[in-house]
């Protein structure tokens, strides 16, 4: 009986080496080379390479450990990412608490303290055709329209940061509960912000009063009923709210046939 030794090699790469996983990603940390595996395991920090940051802004070395396939790089991003030293970092769009001005914090050392409009986790990749960094679930990265979950992108050329998913603007909620779904685009260099969203409200309200209000809007004001199925943001809001695909399909069917839904 023959025994075979498995060779594994470890080496550490310093940031001064300027080692690149690809033109989009710098790396520092440990590299594990297993003779039985075709690809290497990287355990350390990854940093983005772009010219979109402000003069005083510092990009994070986000900590991760994963096998990297050179021609298809997907780097895991935790819900609460940390930097190389274990400190908190962020993959999100934040807002300044005093001015409420949104700004991009796409893998930076900014700290999210109850001022997060949207964040994303899952995997980080770089789309060469669009020249943009993308963070989201594997499902969302492969199919942006049909995939679920929050999605965050940073364009390397325009420096636009876009987020799509559940949005939060720091409203203090008492008896009124809100759920927002939509998209937001910010550009730190241009100091611009655009939003496109649907807002769901849940609050105590007498059914008779609601029926009276609906009749007044429909009959007295002559406002035609809106076809909610033609609004992707509203439909995605329903999908996120019920968090059940079969229930969501029933809602779609009821909206198409009756103009309203009783499935909640």
Protein backbone atom coordinates (compact mmCIF):
# COMPACT_ATOMS: atom_id res chain seq x y z
CA UNK A 1 0.00 0.00 0.00
CA UNK A 2 1.38 3.35 -1.06
CA UNK A 3 0.96 6.60 0.86
CA UNK A 4 1.08 9.88 -1.02
CA UNK A 5 1.88 13.19 0.64
CA UNK A 6 -0.27 16.13 -0.39
CA UNK A 7 1.79 19.26 -1.01
CA UNK A 8 0.37 22.60 0.11
CA UNK A 9 2.29 25.87 0.02
CA UNK A 10 1.59 29.10 1.88
CA UNK A 11 2.91 32.55 1.08
CA UNK A 12 2.12 36.08 2.25
CA UNK A 13 1.75 38.97 -0.15
CA UNK A 14 2.32 42.49 1.20
CA UNK A 15 0.42 45.50 -0.16
CA UNK A 16 3.77 46.99 -1.18
CA UNK A 17 4.02 44.17 -3.72
CA UNK A 18 1.07 45.70 -5.61
CA UNK A 19 -0.26 42.24 -6.39
CA UNK A 20 -3.44 42.14 -8.48
CA UNK A 21 -6.10 39.45 -8.70
CA UNK A 22 -7.14 41.27 -11.89
CA UNK A 23 -6.90 44.87 -13.15
CA UNK A 24 -9.97 45.61 -10.98
CA UNK A 25 -8.81 44.06 -7.68
CA UNK A 26 -5.67 44.50 -5.56
CA UNK A 27 -4.86 41.84 -2.95
CA UNK A 28 -2.72 41.41 0.13
CA UNK A 29 -2.62 38.46 2.50
CA UNK A 30 -2.14 34.69 2.41
CA UNK A 31 -2.19 32.54 -0.69
CA UNK A 32 -2.67 28.78 -0.26
CA UNK A 33 -1.55 26.57 -3.12
CA UNK A 34 -2.87 23.00 -2.97
CA UNK A 35 -1.28 20.58 -5.40
CA UNK A 36 -4.60 18.74 -5.78
CA UNK A 37 -6.62 21.87 -6.61
CA UNK A 38 -6.52 23.76 -9.93
CA UNK A 39 -7.12 27.17 -8.31
CA UNK A 40 -5.55 28.97 -5.34
CA UNK A 41 -7.21 29.93 -2.07
CA UNK A 42 -6.82 33.59 -1.08
CA UNK A 43 -7.22 34.67 2.53
CA UNK A 44 -6.62 38.36 3.13
CA UNK A 45 -7.88 41.71 1.91
CA UNK A 46 -9.16 42.93 -1.45
CA UNK A 47 -9.19 46.57 -2.53
CA UNK A 48 -10.93 48.13 -5.52
CA UNK A 49 -8.95 50.00 -8.17
CA UNK A 50 -10.73 53.09 -9.48
CA UNK A 51 -10.50 56.88 -9.54
CA UNK A 52 -13.91 57.65 -8.05
CA UNK A 53 -12.90 58.25 -4.47
CA UNK A 54 -12.64 61.67 -2.87
CA UNK A 55 -9.22 63.12 -2.04
CA UNK A 56 -9.58 62.37 1.68
CA UNK A 57 -11.41 59.06 1.21
CA UNK A 58 -9.67 55.76 1.95
CA UNK A 59 -10.74 52.56 0.25
CA UNK A 60 -11.03 49.51 2.47
CA UNK A 61 -9.07 46.29 2.24
CA UNK A 62 -12.10 44.04 2.69
CA UNK A 63 -11.26 40.77 4.42
CA UNK A 64 -12.31 37.51 2.75
CA UNK A 65 -11.28 33.89 2.24
CA UNK A 66 -12.20 32.07 -0.94
CA UNK A 67 -10.98 30.00 -3.85
CA UNK A 68 -10.50 32.36 -6.77
CA UNK A 69 -11.12 31.32 -10.37
CA UNK A 70 -9.00 33.77 -12.43
CA UNK A 71 -11.39 34.22 -15.38
CA UNK A 72 -14.52 34.44 -13.18
CA UNK A 73 -13.75 36.27 -9.93
CA UNK A 74 -16.46 36.24 -7.25
CA UNK A 75 -15.40 37.47 -3.82
CA UNK A 76 -17.70 36.81 -0.83
CA UNK A 77 -19.07 39.90 0.94
CA UNK A 78 -20.48 39.48 4.45
CA UNK A 79 -23.56 41.35 5.72
CA UNK A 80 -21.20 43.25 8.01
CA UNK A 81 -17.89 43.35 6.11
CA UNK A 82 -14.62 44.00 7.91
CA UNK A 83 -11.28 45.34 6.78
CA UNK A 84 -7.93 43.58 6.90
CA UNK A 85 -7.46 44.51 10.55
CA UNK A 86 -10.94 43.38 11.60
CA UNK A 87 -12.48 46.87 11.74
CA UNK A 88 -15.94 47.62 10.37
CA UNK A 89 -16.25 48.69 6.75
CA UNK A 90 -19.28 49.18 4.54
CA UNK A 91 -20.72 48.29 1.15
CA UNK A 92 -23.63 50.70 0.98
CA UNK A 93 -25.12 54.07 0.16
CA UNK A 94 -25.26 56.25 3.27
CA UNK A 95 -26.63 59.70 4.04
CA UNK A 96 -25.18 62.59 6.05
CA UNK A 97 -27.31 62.90 9.17
CA UNK A 98 -27.32 66.70 9.22
CA UNK A 99 -27.95 67.42 5.53
CA UNK A 100 -29.62 64.09 4.60
CA UNK A 101 -27.46 64.15 1.45
CA UNK A 102 -26.88 60.57 0.19
CA UNK A 103 -23.36 59.49 -0.72
CA UNK A 104 -21.57 56.37 -1.91
CA UNK A 105 -19.67 54.17 0.55
CA UNK A 106 -18.80 51.31 -1.79
CA UNK A 107 -16.27 49.27 0.20
CA UNK A 108 -14.86 52.25 2.06
CA UNK A 109 -13.92 52.78 5.70
CA UNK A 110 -17.05 54.88 6.32
CA UNK A 111 -19.03 53.69 9.32
CA UNK A 112 -22.75 53.01 8.96
CA UNK A 113 -24.46 54.34 12.12
CA UNK A 114 -28.24 54.35 11.55
CA UNK A 115 -27.66 56.27 8.30
CA UNK A 116 -27.74 53.43 5.77
CA UNK A 117 -30.10 53.83 2.82
CA UNK A 118 -29.16 50.51 1.26
CA UNK A 119 -26.44 47.91 1.65
CA UNK A 120 -25.62 44.74 -0.25
CA UNK A 121 -23.91 41.45 0.52
CA UNK A 122 -23.32 38.15 -1.21
CA UNK A 123 -20.55 38.35 -3.78
CA UNK A 124 -18.40 41.07 -5.32
CA UNK A 125 -17.49 40.84 -9.00
CA UNK A 126 -16.44 43.14 -11.85
CA UNK A 127 -18.47 43.33 -15.05
CA UNK A 128 -16.03 44.19 -17.83
CA UNK A 129 -18.72 45.04 -20.42
CA UNK A 130 -20.38 47.56 -18.11
CA UNK A 131 -17.10 48.60 -16.46
CA UNK A 132 -18.69 48.32 -13.03
CA UNK A 133 -18.24 46.61 -9.70
CA UNK A 134 -21.30 44.65 -8.60
CA UNK A 135 -22.38 43.25 -5.22
CA UNK A 136 -25.37 40.97 -4.76
CA UNK A 137 -26.51 37.39 -4.50
CA UNK A 138 -25.36 34.99 -7.20
CA UNK A 139 -28.95 34.91 -8.46
CA UNK A 140 -29.08 38.70 -8.70
CA UNK A 141 -25.68 38.92 -10.37
CA UNK A 142 -26.69 36.40 -13.02
CA UNK A 143 -30.18 37.89 -13.62
CA UNK A 144 -30.62 41.46 -12.45
CA UNK A 145 -34.34 41.65 -13.36
CA UNK A 146 -35.55 38.37 -11.88
CA UNK A 147 -33.05 37.98 -9.02
CA UNK A 148 -34.03 39.00 -5.50
CA UNK A 149 -32.16 40.79 -2.74
CA UNK A 150 -30.30 44.08 -2.57
CA UNK A 151 -27.95 44.97 -5.42
CA UNK A 152 -25.18 47.57 -5.46
CA UNK A 153 -22.98 48.73 -8.34
CA UNK A 154 -20.17 51.23 -8.87
CA UNK A 155 -19.34 52.31 -12.41
CA UNK A 156 -15.60 52.72 -12.95
CA UNK A 157 -16.06 55.35 -15.68
CA UNK A 158 -19.00 57.54 -14.59
CA UNK A 159 -18.43 56.98 -10.85
CA UNK A 160 -22.19 56.47 -10.41
CA UNK A 161 -23.12 54.21 -7.51
CA UNK A 162 -26.50 52.54 -7.91
CA UNK A 163 -28.47 50.55 -5.39
CA UNK A 164 -31.62 48.53 -5.93
CA UNK A 165 -33.64 46.81 -3.24
CA UNK A 166 -35.09 47.78 0.13
CA UNK A 167 -34.43 51.44 0.86
CA UNK A 168 -34.42 53.15 4.25
CA UNK A 169 -34.34 56.89 4.84
CA UNK A 170 -34.22 56.91 8.63
CA UNK A 171 -37.90 57.62 9.27
CA UNK A 172 -38.90 57.09 12.88
CA UNK A 173 -41.76 54.61 12.77
CA UNK A 174 -44.46 54.44 15.41
CA UNK A 175 -47.86 53.05 14.48
CA UNK A 176 -47.08 53.61 10.80
CA UNK A 177 -44.87 50.91 9.30
CA UNK A 178 -43.16 51.50 5.97
CA UNK A 179 -41.49 49.32 3.38
CA UNK A 180 -39.68 50.98 0.51
CA UNK A 181 -38.39 49.25 -2.60
CA UNK A 182 -36.71 50.96 -5.49
CA UNK A 183 -33.47 52.26 -6.89
CA UNK A 184 -31.13 55.08 -5.96
CA UNK A 185 -28.20 56.53 -7.90
CA UNK A 186 -25.59 58.81 -6.34
CA UNK A 187 -22.41 60.41 -7.58
CA UNK A 188 -20.03 61.77 -4.93
CA UNK A 189 -18.04 63.87 -7.38
CA UNK A 190 -21.12 65.54 -8.92
CA UNK A 191 -23.04 65.66 -5.63
CA UNK A 192 -26.09 64.21 -7.39
CA UNK A 193 -28.83 61.81 -6.31
CA UNK A 194 -31.75 60.20 -8.17
CA UNK A 195 -34.40 57.87 -6.71
CA UNK A 196 -37.19 55.77 -8.19
CA UNK A 197 -39.13 53.89 -5.56
CA UNK A 198 -42.44 52.49 -4.34
CA UNK A 199 -43.48 53.11 -0.74
CA UNK A 200 -45.72 50.72 1.16
CA UNK A 201 -47.57 51.93 4.27
CA UNK A 202 -49.09 49.75 6.98
CA UNK A 203 -51.08 51.55 9.69
CA UNK A 204 -54.35 51.20 11.65
CA UNK A 205 -57.26 52.48 9.56
CA UNK A 206 -60.98 51.73 9.72
CA UNK A 207 -62.13 49.66 6.73
CA UNK A 208 -65.33 51.69 6.30
CA UNK A 209 -63.32 54.90 6.18
CA UNK A 210 -60.92 53.33 3.67
CA UNK A 211 -63.82 52.18 1.46
CA UNK A 212 -65.35 55.68 1.62
CA UNK A 213 -62.04 57.28 0.67
CA UNK A 214 -61.61 54.84 -2.25
CA UNK A 215 -65.14 55.56 -3.51
CA UNK A 216 -64.53 59.32 -3.28
CA UNK A 217 -61.31 59.07 -5.28
CA UNK A 218 -62.87 56.78 -7.88
CA UNK A 219 -66.34 58.29 -8.30
CA UNK A 220 -66.14 61.96 -7.32
CA UNK A 221 -62.66 62.75 -8.56
CA UNK A 222 -62.91 60.52 -11.60
CA UNK A 223 -59.41 59.12 -11.20
CA UNK A 224 -58.91 55.92 -13.17
CA UNK A 225 -57.57 52.83 -11.46
CA UNK A 226 -53.83 52.32 -11.87
CA UNK A 227 -52.56 49.05 -13.28
CA UNK A 228 -50.02 48.16 -10.63
CA UNK A 229 -48.73 45.20 -12.64
CA UNK A 230 -47.13 47.67 -15.07
CA UNK A 231 -44.91 49.09 -12.31
CA UNK A 232 -41.82 46.90 -11.75
CA UNK A 233 -40.95 48.73 -8.52
CA UNK A 234 -44.44 48.20 -7.04
CA UNK A 235 -44.47 44.53 -8.02
CA UNK A 236 -41.03 44.01 -6.50
CA UNK A 237 -42.30 45.75 -3.35
CA UNK A 238 -45.07 43.14 -3.14
CA UNK A 239 -42.55 40.35 -3.70
CA UNK A 240 -40.30 41.63 -0.92
CA UNK A 241 -43.23 42.19 1.44
CA UNK A 242 -44.78 38.72 1.21
CA UNK A 243 -41.42 36.94 0.79
CA UNK A 244 -43.20 33.93 -0.69
CA UNK A 245 -43.24 33.26 -4.44
CA UNK A 246 -46.57 31.38 -4.53
CA UNK A 247 -48.33 34.14 -2.57
CA UNK A 248 -46.74 36.75 -4.83
CA UNK A 249 -48.06 34.93 -7.92
CA UNK A 250 -51.57 34.95 -6.41
CA UNK A 251 -51.26 38.71 -5.80
CA UNK A 252 -50.28 39.22 -9.46
CA UNK A 253 -53.27 37.18 -10.63
CA UNK A 254 -55.71 39.06 -8.37
CA UNK A 255 -54.37 42.44 -9.49
CA UNK A 256 -54.78 41.44 -13.14
CA UNK A 257 -58.31 40.09 -12.75
CA UNK A 258 -59.80 42.27 -9.98
CA UNK A 259 -57.54 45.32 -9.77
CA UNK A 260 -56.91 44.61 -6.09
CA UNK A 261 -55.46 41.84 -3.95
CA UNK A 262 -56.74 40.14 -0.82
CA UNK A 263 -53.71 37.83 -0.47
CA UNK A 264 -51.59 39.10 2.46
